[in-house]
Amino acid sequence: MANDEDRRQFVAEVWRRFEEVQNWAIANWPDKEHPLTTSDFVEGRKEILGLGLPPSQKLRQEPEPAPEPEQGGPQYLDVTPAPWP
């Protein structure tokens, strides 16, 4: 983006359109026994707020990868889930 004001205007427009889609989705959701709520759209709102931000300012950052075993990382990672009790 050219500057912060352009970014703010863009994010405001995306936010407005997202609200419209969210309201439409809630009103038209076919499963009336399990209705949608605004909480179903929280992650989308977080992503919109982070548009155009540098990676250091993003709301959610990717975790650091674990070091390799020769760099002091774990020798074994158990990825098999435990059986259900």
C-alpha atoms as a PDB file:
ATOM      1  CA  MET A   1       0.000   0.000   0.000  1.00  0.00           C
ATOM      2  CA  ALA A   2       1.111   3.535  -0.650  1.00  0.00           C
ATOM      3  CA  ASN A   3       0.709   4.719   2.926  1.00  0.00           C
ATOM      4  CA  ASP A   4      -1.029   4.049   6.227  1.00  0.00           C
ATOM      5  CA  GLU A   5      -4.138   6.033   5.264  1.00  0.00           C
ATOM      6  CA  ASP A   6      -4.635   3.942   2.108  1.00  0.00           C
ATOM      7  CA  ARG A   7      -4.213   0.787   4.193  1.00  0.00           C
ATOM      8  CA  ARG A   8      -6.739   1.978   6.777  1.00  0.00           C
ATOM      9  CA  GLN A   9      -9.278   2.815   4.088  1.00  0.00           C
ATOM     10  CA  PHE A  10      -8.779  -0.562   2.441  1.00  0.00           C
ATOM     11  CA  VAL A  11      -9.144  -2.458   5.718  1.00  0.00           C
ATOM     12  CA  ALA A  12     -12.256  -0.429   6.593  1.00  0.00           C
ATOM     13  CA  GLU A  13     -13.845  -1.356   3.256  1.00  0.00           C
ATOM     14  CA  VAL A  14     -12.938  -5.039   3.634  1.00  0.00           C
ATOM     15  CA  TRP A  15     -14.344  -4.955   7.182  1.00  0.00           C
ATOM     16  CA  ARG A  16     -17.616  -3.397   5.973  1.00  0.00           C
ATOM     17  CA  ARG A  17     -18.011  -6.018   3.256  1.00  0.00           C
ATOM     18  CA  PHE A  18     -17.095  -8.828   5.656  1.00  0.00           C
ATOM     19  CA  GLU A  19     -19.807  -7.630   8.068  1.00  0.00           C
ATOM     20  CA  GLU A  20     -22.330  -7.738   5.223  1.00  0.00           C
ATOM     21  CA  VAL A  21     -21.350 -11.296   4.297  1.00  0.00           C
ATOM     22  CA  GLN A  22     -21.357 -12.348   7.959  1.00  0.00           C
ATOM     23  CA  ASN A  23     -24.855 -10.950   8.504  1.00  0.00           C
ATOM     24  CA  TRP A  24     -26.110 -12.590   5.322  1.00  0.00           C
ATOM     25  CA  ALA A  25     -24.564 -15.945   6.321  1.00  0.00           C
ATOM     26  CA  ILE A  26     -26.109 -15.824   9.796  1.00  0.00           C
ATOM     27  CA  ALA A  27     -29.543 -14.903   8.405  1.00  0.00           C
ATOM     28  CA  ASN A  28     -29.496 -17.567   5.671  1.00  0.00           C
ATOM     29  CA  TRP A  29     -27.750 -20.475   7.406  1.00  0.00           C
ATOM     30  CA  PRO A  30     -29.901 -23.547   6.601  1.00  0.00           C
ATOM     31  CA  ASP A  31     -29.241 -25.540   9.788  1.00  0.00           C
ATOM     32  CA  LYS A  32     -31.611 -23.825  12.239  1.00  0.00           C
ATOM     33  CA  GLU A  33     -30.802 -26.367  14.968  1.00  0.00           C
ATOM     34  CA  HIS A  34     -27.153 -25.235  14.924  1.00  0.00           C
ATOM     35  CA  PRO A  35     -27.273 -21.541  13.994  1.00  0.00           C
ATOM     36  CA  LEU A  36     -24.221 -19.491  13.118  1.00  0.00           C
ATOM     37  CA  THR A  37     -23.199 -16.675  15.441  1.00  0.00           C
ATOM     38  CA  THR A  38     -20.739 -13.822  15.146  1.00  0.00           C
ATOM     39  CA  SER A  39     -18.253 -15.909  17.154  1.00  0.00           C
ATOM     40  CA  ASP A  40     -18.004 -18.258  14.165  1.00  0.00           C
ATOM     41  CA  PHE A  41     -16.311 -15.416  12.276  1.00  0.00           C
ATOM     42  CA  VAL A  42     -13.666 -14.396  14.835  1.00  0.00           C
ATOM     43  CA  GLU A  43     -10.695 -15.785  12.900  1.00  0.00           C
ATOM     44  CA  GLY A  44     -11.788 -13.973   9.749  1.00  0.00           C
ATOM     45  CA  ARG A  45     -11.937 -10.679  11.635  1.00  0.00           C
ATOM     46  CA  LYS A  46      -8.429 -11.261  13.007  1.00  0.00           C
ATOM     47  CA  GLU A  47      -7.113 -11.850   9.497  1.00  0.00           C
ATOM     48  CA  ILE A  48      -8.761  -8.677   8.194  1.00  0.00           C
ATOM     49  CA  LEU A  49      -7.258  -6.589  10.999  1.00  0.00           C
ATOM     50  CA  GLY A  50      -3.814  -7.947  10.122  1.00  0.00           C
ATOM     51  CA  LEU A  51      -3.995  -7.055   6.418  1.00  0.00           C
ATOM     52  CA  GLY A  52      -0.939  -5.179   5.257  1.00  0.00           C
ATOM     53  CA  LEU A  53       0.921  -5.404   8.547  1.00  0.00           C
ATOM     54  CA  PRO A  54       4.558  -6.470   8.568  1.00  0.00           C
ATOM     55  CA  PRO A  55       5.114 -10.021   9.880  1.00  0.00           C
ATOM     56  CA  SER A  56       6.449  -8.734  13.211  1.00  0.00           C
ATOM     57  CA  GLN A  57       3.117  -7.001  13.903  1.00  0.00           C
ATOM     58  CA  LYS A  58       0.757  -9.762  12.757  1.00  0.00           C
ATOM     59  CA  LEU A  59      -1.814 -10.828  15.320  1.00  0.00           C
ATOM     60  CA  ARG A  60      -0.797 -14.466  14.996  1.00  0.00           C
ATOM     61  CA  GLN A  61       2.774 -15.431  14.260  1.00  0.00           C
ATOM     62  CA  GLU A  62       3.971 -18.802  13.071  1.00  0.00           C
ATOM     63  CA  PRO A  63       5.753 -20.781  15.816  1.00  0.00           C
ATOM     64  CA  GLU A  64       9.487 -21.188  15.630  1.00  0.00           C
ATOM     65  CA  PRO A  65      10.445 -24.565  14.148  1.00  0.00           C
ATOM     66  CA  ALA A  66      11.965 -27.050  16.593  1.00  0.00           C
ATOM     67  CA  PRO A  67      15.728 -27.405  16.288  1.00  0.00           C
ATOM     68  CA  GLU A  68      17.100 -30.522  14.644  1.00  0.00           C
ATOM     69  CA  PRO A  69      18.472 -33.264  16.954  1.00  0.00           C
ATOM     70  CA  GLU A  70      22.081 -32.334  16.147  1.00  0.00           C
ATOM     71  CA  GLN A  71      21.257 -28.775  17.225  1.00  0.00           C
ATOM     72  CA  GLY A  72      19.958 -29.885  20.631  1.00  0.00           C
ATOM     73  CA  GLY A  73      16.379 -30.598  19.589  1.00  0.00           C
ATOM     74  CA  PRO A  74      14.393 -33.673  20.652  1.00  0.00           C
ATOM     75  CA  GLN A  75      15.595 -37.037  19.347  1.00  0.00           C
ATOM     76  CA  TYR A  76      12.064 -38.394  19.027  1.00  0.00           C
ATOM     77  CA  LEU A  77       8.662 -36.745  18.612  1.00  0.00           C
ATOM     78  CA  ASP A  78       5.681 -38.909  19.525  1.00  0.00           C
ATOM     79  CA  VAL A  79       3.000 -38.150  16.962  1.00  0.00           C
ATOM     80  CA  THR A  80       0.788 -41.140  17.736  1.00  0.00           C
ATOM     81  CA  PRO A  81      -2.225 -40.113  19.815  1.00  0.00           C
ATOM     82  CA  ALA A  82      -2.756 -41.910  23.097  1.00  0.00           C
ATOM     83  CA  PRO A  83      -5.621 -44.412  23.146  1.00  0.00           C
ATOM     84  CA  TRP A  84      -8.920 -43.204  24.510  1.00  0.00           C
ATOM     85  CA  PRO A  85      -9.381 -44.349  28.117  1.00  0.00           C
END
